[in-house]
Protein backbone atom coordinates (compact mmCIF):
# COMPACT_ATOMS: atom_id res chain seq x y z
CA MET A 1 -12.70 6.14 8.46
CA LEU A 2 -9.08 7.04 9.44
CA SER A 3 -7.59 5.40 12.37
CA VAL A 4 -5.20 7.69 14.30
CA TYR A 5 -3.49 6.97 17.48
CA ILE A 6 -1.74 9.60 20.01
CA ILE A 7 0.92 7.82 22.31
CA GLY A 8 3.13 10.21 24.22
CA GLY A 9 2.42 13.33 22.29
CA ILE A 10 3.47 11.59 18.83
CA ILE A 11 0.95 10.90 16.19
CA LEU A 12 0.85 7.30 14.52
CA GLY A 13 -0.68 6.74 11.34
CA ARG A 14 -3.14 3.72 10.57
CA VAL A 15 -1.60 0.31 11.63
CA ARG A 16 -1.26 -2.36 8.86
CA GLN A 17 -0.69 -6.21 9.02
CA LYS A 18 2.79 -7.34 8.67
CA TYR A 19 1.74 -9.44 5.08
CA ILE A 20 0.38 -6.22 3.47
CA LYS A 21 3.66 -4.36 4.29
CA ARG A 22 5.89 -7.31 3.07
CA THR A 23 3.77 -8.11 0.16
CA ALA A 24 3.79 -3.96 -0.78
CA LEU A 25 7.43 -3.46 -0.45
CA LYS A 26 8.23 -6.57 -2.43
CA ILE A 27 5.87 -5.40 -5.23
CA VAL A 28 7.69 -1.71 -5.13
CA LYS A 29 10.90 -3.43 -5.42
CA ASP A 30 10.28 -5.34 -8.00
CA HIS A 31 7.74 -3.46 -10.15
CA LYS A 32 9.14 0.09 -9.44
CA ASP A 33 8.66 1.74 -12.88
CA ASP A 34 5.50 0.56 -13.39
CA LEU A 35 3.68 1.68 -10.33
CA THR A 36 2.19 5.34 -9.72
CA ASP A 37 0.98 7.41 -7.04
CA ASP A 38 -2.57 6.97 -8.50
CA PHE A 39 -4.66 4.11 -6.60
CA LYS A 40 -6.78 3.11 -9.15
CA LYS A 41 -4.35 2.59 -11.84
CA ASN A 42 -2.54 0.67 -9.11
CA ARG A 43 -5.33 -1.40 -8.27
CA ILE A 44 -5.59 -2.16 -11.97
CA TYR A 45 -1.70 -2.98 -12.65
CA LEU A 46 -1.96 -5.31 -9.19
CA ASP A 47 -4.85 -7.66 -10.21
CA GLY A 48 -2.56 -8.89 -13.47
CA VAL A 49 0.67 -9.00 -10.75
CA LEU A 50 -0.99 -10.48 -7.86
CA THR A 51 -3.43 -13.43 -6.96
CA VAL A 52 -5.32 -12.59 -3.91
CA GLN A 53 -8.30 -13.98 -2.34
CA GLY A 54 -10.98 -11.18 -2.13
CA LYS A 55 -11.03 -7.25 -3.17
CA VAL A 56 -10.56 -5.87 0.47
CA LEU A 57 -6.88 -7.21 0.57
CA ARG A 58 -6.15 -6.34 -2.90
CA ASN A 59 -7.04 -2.83 -1.88
CA ARG A 60 -5.40 -2.45 1.12
CA ILE A 61 -2.08 -3.53 -0.75
CA SER A 62 -2.86 -1.37 -3.69
CA GLY A 63 -3.27 1.56 -0.90
CA TYR A 64 -0.26 0.57 0.98
CA VAL A 65 1.91 0.59 -2.43
CA THR A 66 0.41 4.25 -3.68
CA SER A 67 1.82 5.38 -0.14
CA ILE A 68 4.88 3.99 -0.63
CA ILE A 69 5.28 5.24 -3.84
CA LYS A 70 4.14 8.78 -2.60
CA GLN A 71 6.57 9.02 0.11
CA ASN A 72 9.61 7.91 -2.10
CA LYS A 73 8.37 10.98 -4.58
CA LYS A 74 8.87 13.32 -1.24
């Protein structure tokens, strides 16, 4: 389910917590050459790089990393 917010005619994307964004940006900065635009490959790669508590948090970070990589390719 995708959350979309419309404020003043501007469509905003999904809201993410600051610690997810901060962690994902640091990972992209440090490991940019090893990451791809494929979520599953990034998730497997981040298993070795990160130690997080829970699948949900790992998947959210992996998803945001994937979206950052896709944005940088455009």
